[in-house]
Amino acid sequence: MIKEKISIFKDYLTPKGPEYKGGKSRSEIVSEKPIYKLSSNENMLGSSPLAIAAIKTHVGDLNEYPDNTDLRFRNALSDFYNGELSPNQFITDNSGVGILQLITNTILGEGLECIFSNPGFGPYRMFPEKVGAKAIDVPLKGDNFELDVDGIMAAVTDKTRIIWTCSPNNPSGTYIPKHKMDELISRVPDHLVVVYDEVYYQYATAPDFVRGYEYVKQGKKVIAVNSFSKAYGLAGLRVGYAYSTEEIARYVSQGRRPFFINTLSMEAAMAALHDEDHIKRTVDLVNKGKAYLYPELDKIGIKYWKSQANFILLKPEMNDLEFESRMHTEGIMTRPVKGFGAPDCVRVTIGTQEANEAFIAGLRKIVG
């Protein structure tokens, strides 16, 4: 009888679409050498000191429920943007990827469509497929991974509700120049929104890099997604936010549950917003790392792409999983990104000087 009842829910219990697989944890790696985790784009300097202080201050409050709403958090975000975005224009949730799922669940559904561009972050395809939407890949063009605006517009139908974009892009590290983003925004019809994933914006140095902020201020149908996991070093707390027009932010926010951000995450995130020194030291570390790594990679002769983020995409002349495994023996964790639409490529986080030197030493040993 029980077996029969379970079979009734077989279709419901069968997951829709592929599962997102995160990078390996440090505990999964066996190596006789010190292990450098350069696989998940984390902050190599650690967490914001102001965030850690806030956690210590509020760790005694865990017997009580957190704020029922995120109003204090949204007020803090509005202040961070100098009041140019109102608190009602912000959406907060557990992590940047949580924001992506929230957007998916509230805007997409059975019979609807979205457009994404590989190589790109896997959830742009995976999350829509889980709710029965069709995800259409309009690949980035050429060796420089340029946004194909004409291709995207040709793929738009009356069922399209989201165009996913990412700049700086994960996993390529490339970005969308302002003129390309301007063109896309000017051409999209009114029945869809452009999601602009900018979680790595702190690292971008290109003079024509643009944030979603510029379009939201103009009232465009853009949702810009951000995370505290990267530059702020709070990946373990899972905090993210987005901003858009008040109408869109209010609509998307309806999909959240009460008490959705825990006490320590909210307090740490609000404190981290003020930690300009930590952000500066983090960005300086990454820029110095690039200045060291690019010439070394050139000497080795491995194919790579210069990055606007805190990681570099490589294409070794061997199978990506073999490369990952052999680097593990050297104590270096990297991330194969076939699941991101970049077969045979591997992503490596820019680390401390010690970690970068260990990576180059391991790379020399493996590729010769």
Protein backbone atom coordinates (compact mmCIF):
# COMPACT_ATOMS: atom_id res chain seq x y z
CA MET A 1 0.00 0.00 0.00
CA ILE A 2 2.78 2.44 0.93
CA LYS A 3 4.64 1.65 -2.27
CA GLU A 4 1.48 2.30 -4.29
CA LYS A 5 0.94 5.65 -2.59
CA ILE A 6 4.53 6.71 -3.24
CA SER A 7 4.17 5.83 -6.93
CA ILE A 8 1.31 8.34 -7.19
CA PHE A 9 3.84 11.11 -6.53
CA LYS A 10 6.54 9.72 -8.82
CA ASP A 11 6.33 12.60 -11.30
CA TYR A 12 6.31 15.12 -8.49
CA LEU A 13 9.33 13.59 -6.78
CA THR A 14 11.38 13.36 -9.97
CA PRO A 15 13.50 16.54 -10.18
CA LYS A 16 12.93 18.74 -13.21
CA GLY A 17 16.05 19.76 -15.07
CA PRO A 18 19.69 19.24 -14.12
CA GLU A 19 20.99 19.76 -10.61
CA TYR A 20 23.49 22.53 -9.84
CA LYS A 21 26.72 21.04 -8.53
CA GLY A 22 28.90 23.32 -6.48
CA GLY A 23 32.66 23.06 -6.30
CA LYS A 24 34.39 20.53 -4.06
CA SER A 25 35.00 21.31 -0.41
CA ARG A 26 38.49 21.33 1.07
CA SER A 27 37.71 18.15 3.07
CA GLU A 28 37.22 16.18 -0.17
CA ILE A 29 40.83 16.71 -1.29
CA VAL A 30 43.64 14.35 -0.38
CA SER A 31 47.11 15.84 -0.81
CA GLU A 32 50.43 15.59 0.98
CA LYS A 33 50.94 19.29 0.32
CA PRO A 34 49.21 22.36 1.81
CA ILE A 35 45.83 22.79 0.12
CA TYR A 36 45.00 26.09 -1.60
CA LYS A 37 41.30 26.38 -2.40
CA LEU A 38 41.23 28.32 -5.67
CA SER A 39 38.00 26.79 -6.96
CA SER A 40 35.11 28.88 -5.59
CA ASN A 41 36.05 32.55 -6.10
CA GLU A 42 36.09 33.21 -2.36
CA ASN A 43 37.83 36.14 -0.68
CA MET A 44 41.39 35.06 0.08
CA LEU A 45 41.68 37.71 2.83
CA GLY A 46 38.74 36.25 4.71
CA SER A 47 35.61 37.99 5.93
CA SER A 48 35.08 41.69 6.48
CA PRO A 49 36.40 42.50 9.98
CA LEU A 50 33.39 44.76 10.57
CA ALA A 51 31.11 41.84 9.74
CA ILE A 52 32.94 39.58 12.19
CA ALA A 53 32.62 42.22 14.91
CA ALA A 54 28.87 42.47 14.24
CA ILE A 55 28.53 38.69 14.53
CA LYS A 56 30.30 38.70 17.89
CA THR A 57 28.01 41.49 19.11
CA HIS A 58 24.80 39.65 18.18
CA VAL A 59 25.76 36.02 18.80
CA GLY A 60 23.90 36.18 22.11
CA ASP A 61 20.63 37.04 20.36
CA LEU A 62 20.11 33.69 18.68
CA ASN A 63 17.36 32.57 21.06
CA GLU A 64 15.05 35.14 19.43
CA TYR A 65 13.67 35.16 15.90
CA PRO A 66 15.37 37.51 13.43
CA ASP A 67 13.58 40.54 11.98
CA ASN A 68 10.29 39.49 10.40
CA THR A 69 11.08 41.74 7.44
CA ASP A 70 14.26 43.02 5.85
CA LEU A 71 13.36 46.71 6.25
CA ARG A 72 16.48 47.59 8.29
CA PHE A 73 18.60 45.83 5.71
CA ARG A 74 16.91 47.61 2.80
CA ASN A 75 17.34 50.95 4.57
CA ALA A 76 21.04 50.19 4.96
CA LEU A 77 21.30 49.32 1.27
CA SER A 78 19.54 52.55 0.31
CA ASP A 79 22.06 54.49 2.42
CA PHE A 80 24.91 52.59 0.74
CA TYR A 81 23.61 53.86 -2.61
CA ASN A 82 23.46 57.41 -1.19
CA GLY A 83 19.67 57.44 -1.18
CA GLU A 84 19.51 57.33 -4.99
CA LEU A 85 17.66 54.03 -4.74
CA SER A 86 14.79 53.83 -2.25
CA PRO A 87 14.46 50.97 0.26
CA ASN A 88 11.48 49.76 -1.78
CA GLN A 89 13.73 49.12 -4.77
CA PHE A 90 15.73 46.39 -3.01
CA ILE A 91 15.16 42.63 -2.80
CA THR A 92 17.13 40.61 -0.27
CA ASP A 93 17.45 36.86 0.24
CA ASN A 94 19.83 34.04 1.16
CA SER A 95 22.71 34.54 -1.31
CA GLY A 96 22.96 35.85 -4.84
CA VAL A 97 21.93 32.46 -6.20
CA GLY A 98 18.93 32.60 -3.86
CA ILE A 99 17.97 35.86 -5.54
CA LEU A 100 18.25 34.18 -8.95
CA GLN A 101 15.93 31.40 -7.80
CA LEU A 102 13.47 33.91 -6.33
CA ILE A 103 13.37 35.80 -9.63
CA THR A 104 12.85 32.53 -11.50
CA ASN A 105 10.04 31.36 -9.25
CA THR A 106 8.12 34.63 -9.40
CA ILE A 107 8.55 35.53 -13.08
CA LEU A 108 8.87 32.23 -14.95
CA GLY A 109 6.68 29.15 -15.13
CA GLU A 110 5.28 26.42 -17.34
CA GLY A 111 5.16 27.47 -21.00
CA LEU A 112 7.26 30.62 -20.57
CA GLU A 113 10.77 31.24 -21.87
CA CYS A 114 14.05 32.89 -20.94
CA ILE A 115 17.33 33.52 -22.75
CA PHE A 116 20.84 33.00 -21.40
CA SER A 117 24.31 33.01 -22.95
CA ASN A 118 26.91 30.28 -22.49
CA PRO A 119 29.48 30.15 -21.12
CA GLY A 120 27.55 31.36 -18.12
CA PHE A 121 26.42 30.53 -14.61
CA GLY A 122 24.55 27.20 -14.61
CA PRO A 123 21.43 28.32 -12.66
CA TYR A 124 20.40 30.65 -15.51
CA ARG A 125 19.35 27.47 -17.31
CA MET A 126 18.78 25.06 -14.43
CA PHE A 127 16.37 27.12 -12.33
CA PRO A 128 13.99 27.98 -15.23
CA GLU A 129 13.86 24.36 -16.35
CA LYS A 130 12.86 23.29 -12.84
CA VAL A 131 9.72 25.43 -13.03
CA GLY A 132 8.87 24.18 -16.52
CA ALA A 133 10.17 27.17 -18.47
CA LYS A 134 12.21 26.86 -21.65
CA ALA A 135 15.77 28.20 -21.42
CA ILE A 136 17.25 29.24 -24.77
CA ASP A 137 21.01 29.49 -25.16
CA VAL A 138 22.30 32.32 -27.35
CA PRO A 139 26.05 31.73 -26.90
CA LEU A 140 28.55 34.49 -26.34
CA LYS A 141 30.36 35.22 -29.60
CA GLY A 142 33.94 34.60 -30.60
CA ASP A 143 37.08 34.05 -28.61
CA ASN A 144 36.42 37.17 -26.53
CA PHE A 145 32.96 35.99 -25.44
CA GLU A 146 31.00 38.99 -26.69
CA LEU A 147 27.28 39.40 -26.00
CA ASP A 148 25.29 38.55 -29.15
CA VAL A 149 22.61 41.23 -29.00
CA ASP A 150 21.24 40.45 -32.47
CA GLY A 151 21.06 36.75 -31.61
CA ILE A 152 19.27 37.47 -28.34
CA MET A 153 16.71 39.71 -30.01
CA ALA A 154 16.09 37.08 -32.71
CA ALA A 155 15.33 34.55 -29.94
CA VAL A 156 12.80 36.77 -28.13
CA THR A 157 9.17 35.67 -28.46
CA ASP A 158 5.93 36.71 -26.82
CA LYS A 159 6.64 34.01 -24.21
CA THR A 160 10.03 35.43 -23.21
CA ARG A 161 10.06 36.90 -19.71
CA ILE A 162 13.75 37.06 -18.73
CA ILE A 163 17.07 37.73 -20.45
CA TRP A 164 19.90 36.64 -18.14
CA THR A 165 23.14 38.64 -18.42
CA CYS A 166 26.28 38.59 -16.29
CA SER A 167 29.09 41.15 -16.11
CA PRO A 168 31.81 40.42 -15.13
CA ASN A 169 30.84 37.02 -16.43
CA ASN A 170 31.25 33.75 -14.59
CA PRO A 171 33.20 31.70 -15.71
CA SER A 172 34.92 33.67 -18.50
CA GLY A 173 35.85 36.76 -16.47
CA THR A 174 34.94 38.93 -19.46
CA TYR A 175 32.43 41.78 -19.28
CA ILE A 176 29.71 43.51 -21.28
CA PRO A 177 30.89 46.94 -22.49
CA LYS A 178 28.50 49.80 -21.86
CA HIS A 179 27.64 50.29 -25.52
CA LYS A 180 26.59 46.63 -25.81
CA MET A 181 24.44 46.81 -22.70
CA ASP A 182 22.93 50.09 -23.88
CA GLU A 183 22.00 48.45 -27.16
CA LEU A 184 20.37 45.47 -25.48
CA ILE A 185 18.37 47.59 -23.04
CA SER A 186 17.18 49.88 -25.83
CA ARG A 187 15.89 46.98 -27.93
CA VAL A 188 14.12 44.70 -25.44
CA PRO A 189 10.31 44.73 -25.53
CA ASP A 190 8.23 45.70 -22.50
CA HIS A 191 6.99 42.21 -21.66
CA LEU A 192 10.34 41.00 -20.25
CA VAL A 193 13.02 41.97 -17.76
CA VAL A 194 16.79 41.91 -18.10
CA VAL A 195 18.53 40.30 -15.13
CA TYR A 196 22.01 41.78 -14.77
CA ASP A 197 24.19 39.64 -12.51
CA GLU A 198 26.96 41.91 -11.24
CA VAL A 199 28.20 40.00 -8.19
CA TYR A 200 31.84 40.60 -9.18
CA TYR A 201 31.48 44.32 -9.92
CA GLN A 202 34.00 45.42 -7.27
CA TYR A 203 36.81 43.83 -9.28
CA ALA A 204 35.99 45.41 -12.66
CA THR A 205 38.52 47.98 -13.90
CA ALA A 206 37.50 48.42 -17.56
CA PRO A 207 36.66 52.08 -18.26
CA ASP A 208 33.50 51.10 -20.15
CA PHE A 209 32.21 48.69 -17.51
CA VAL A 210 28.66 49.60 -16.48
CA ARG A 211 26.52 48.58 -13.53
CA GLY A 212 22.81 47.81 -13.62
CA TYR A 213 22.45 50.82 -11.34
CA GLU A 214 22.64 53.14 -14.35
CA TYR A 215 19.62 51.49 -16.03
CA VAL A 216 17.50 51.11 -12.90
CA LYS A 217 17.88 54.84 -12.21
CA GLN A 218 16.41 55.43 -15.69
CA GLY A 219 13.40 53.27 -14.82
CA LYS A 220 14.39 50.42 -17.15
CA LYS A 221 13.10 46.90 -16.49
CA VAL A 222 16.40 45.65 -15.11
CA ILE A 223 17.07 43.58 -12.00
CA ALA A 224 20.68 43.87 -10.83
CA VAL A 225 21.87 40.98 -8.64
CA ASN A 226 24.59 41.26 -5.99
CA SER A 227 26.16 39.05 -3.34
CA PHE A 228 28.09 39.34 -0.07
CA SER A 229 29.90 36.08 -0.84
CA LYS A 230 32.68 37.51 -3.00
CA ALA A 231 34.40 40.79 -2.14
CA TYR A 232 32.89 40.98 1.36
CA GLY A 233 34.03 37.45 2.19
CA LEU A 234 30.73 36.22 3.64
CA ALA A 235 30.16 33.16 1.45
CA GLY A 236 29.39 31.01 4.50
CA LEU A 237 26.53 33.28 5.61
CA ARG A 238 24.62 33.24 2.29
CA VAL A 239 23.41 36.83 1.84
CA GLY A 240 22.45 38.48 -1.43
CA TYR A 241 20.43 41.39 -2.72
CA ALA A 242 19.10 42.87 -5.91
CA TYR A 243 17.66 46.21 -6.93
CA SER A 244 15.16 47.19 -9.59
CA THR A 245 12.17 49.48 -10.09
CA GLU A 246 9.82 49.62 -7.10
CA GLU A 247 7.15 47.77 -9.07
CA ILE A 248 9.41 44.87 -10.01
CA ALA A 249 11.07 44.70 -6.57
CA ARG A 250 7.68 44.58 -4.85
CA TYR A 251 6.45 41.84 -7.17
CA VAL A 252 9.53 39.61 -6.82
CA SER A 253 9.68 40.11 -3.05
CA GLN A 254 6.23 38.56 -2.67
CA GLY A 255 7.83 35.16 -3.28
CA ARG A 256 9.78 35.16 -0.03
CA ARG A 257 8.88 33.51 3.27
CA PRO A 258 8.88 35.31 6.68
CA PHE A 259 12.12 35.40 8.69
CA PHE A 260 14.07 34.60 5.54
CA ILE A 261 17.46 36.08 6.59
CA ASN A 262 18.95 34.96 9.88
CA THR A 263 20.12 37.40 12.54
CA LEU A 264 23.87 36.99 12.10
CA SER A 265 23.72 37.14 8.30
CA MET A 266 21.74 40.37 8.30
CA GLU A 267 23.87 42.09 10.95
CA ALA A 268 27.10 40.99 9.26
CA ALA A 269 25.95 42.17 5.84
CA MET A 270 24.86 45.58 7.09
CA ALA A 271 28.20 46.04 8.84
CA ALA A 272 30.17 44.86 5.80
CA LEU A 273 28.61 47.59 3.65
CA HIS A 274 30.70 50.11 5.59
CA ASP A 275 33.97 48.18 5.35
CA GLU A 276 35.62 50.18 2.58
CA ASP A 277 39.09 49.26 3.81
CA HIS A 278 38.42 45.53 3.43
CA ILE A 279 37.08 46.02 -0.10
CA LYS A 280 40.14 48.09 -1.06
CA ARG A 281 42.58 45.51 0.31
CA THR A 282 40.66 42.74 -1.44
CA VAL A 283 40.65 44.48 -4.82
CA ASP A 284 44.34 45.41 -4.44
CA LEU A 285 45.19 41.76 -3.73
CA VAL A 286 43.38 40.63 -6.88
CA ASN A 287 44.98 43.30 -9.07
CA LYS A 288 48.45 42.42 -7.79
CA GLY A 289 47.66 38.76 -8.37
CA LYS A 290 46.76 39.45 -12.00
CA ALA A 291 49.98 41.41 -12.47
CA TYR A 292 51.91 38.35 -11.29
CA LEU A 293 49.84 35.61 -12.94
CA TYR A 294 49.44 36.94 -16.48
CA PRO A 295 53.19 37.01 -17.31
CA GLU A 296 53.69 33.60 -15.68
CA LEU A 297 50.83 32.09 -17.69
CA ASP A 298 52.29 33.65 -20.84
CA LYS A 299 55.65 32.00 -20.11
CA ILE A 300 54.00 28.63 -19.61
CA GLY A 301 52.04 29.06 -22.82
CA ILE A 302 48.64 27.99 -21.52
CA LYS A 303 45.56 29.59 -23.05
CA TYR A 304 43.73 31.94 -20.68
CA TRP A 305 41.47 34.99 -20.70
CA LYS A 306 42.27 38.23 -18.90
CA SER A 307 39.65 38.83 -16.28
CA GLN A 308 37.52 41.62 -14.85
CA ALA A 309 36.73 39.42 -11.85
CA ASN A 310 38.70 37.63 -9.11
CA PHE A 311 39.33 34.49 -11.17
CA ILE A 312 40.90 33.46 -14.48
CA LEU A 313 39.55 31.03 -17.07
CA LEU A 314 42.13 28.58 -18.44
CA LYS A 315 42.02 26.06 -21.28
CA PRO A 316 44.72 23.45 -20.61
CA GLU A 317 45.73 21.00 -23.33
CA MET A 318 44.31 18.06 -21.42
CA ASN A 319 40.94 16.87 -20.17
CA ASP A 320 39.51 19.25 -17.58
CA LEU A 321 38.85 16.52 -15.01
CA GLU A 322 42.36 15.14 -15.46
CA PHE A 323 43.73 18.65 -14.96
CA GLU A 324 41.66 19.09 -11.80
CA SER A 325 42.81 15.74 -10.41
CA ARG A 326 46.48 16.35 -11.14
CA MET A 327 46.33 19.81 -9.59
CA HIS A 328 44.81 18.26 -6.48
CA THR A 329 47.97 16.20 -6.05
CA GLU A 330 49.84 19.51 -6.02
CA GLY A 331 47.53 20.88 -3.34
CA ILE A 332 45.66 23.21 -5.71
CA MET A 333 41.87 23.19 -6.02
CA THR A 334 40.51 24.47 -9.35
CA ARG A 335 37.04 24.28 -10.93
CA PRO A 336 36.18 22.56 -14.21
CA VAL A 337 33.41 24.60 -15.86
CA LYS A 338 31.91 22.26 -18.43
CA GLY A 339 28.61 22.71 -16.56
CA PHE A 340 28.89 26.45 -17.22
CA GLY A 341 29.04 25.87 -20.98
CA ALA A 342 32.84 26.02 -21.23
CA PRO A 343 33.99 22.45 -22.00
CA ASP A 344 37.65 21.61 -21.39
CA CYS A 345 38.10 24.86 -19.47
CA VAL A 346 39.02 25.35 -15.84
CA ARG A 347 38.48 28.35 -13.58
CA VAL A 348 41.03 29.35 -10.94
CA THR A 349 40.56 31.95 -8.23
CA ILE A 350 43.23 34.63 -7.86
CA GLY A 351 44.69 34.07 -4.41
CA THR A 352 47.35 35.43 -2.10
CA GLN A 353 50.88 35.68 -3.48
CA GLU A 354 51.75 32.43 -1.71
CA ALA A 355 48.74 30.66 -3.24
CA ASN A 356 49.43 32.12 -6.69
CA GLU A 357 53.04 30.96 -6.59
CA ALA A 358 51.95 27.49 -5.49
CA PHE A 359 49.45 27.41 -8.38
CA ILE A 360 52.10 28.40 -10.94
CA ALA A 361 54.54 25.83 -9.53
CA GLY A 362 51.91 23.10 -9.76
CA LEU A 363 50.91 24.21 -13.24
CA ARG A 364 54.50 24.10 -14.47
CA LYS A 365 54.88 20.59 -13.11
CA ILE A 366 51.68 19.38 -14.80
CA VAL A 367 51.82 21.05 -18.21
CA GLY A 368 55.61 20.98 -18.55
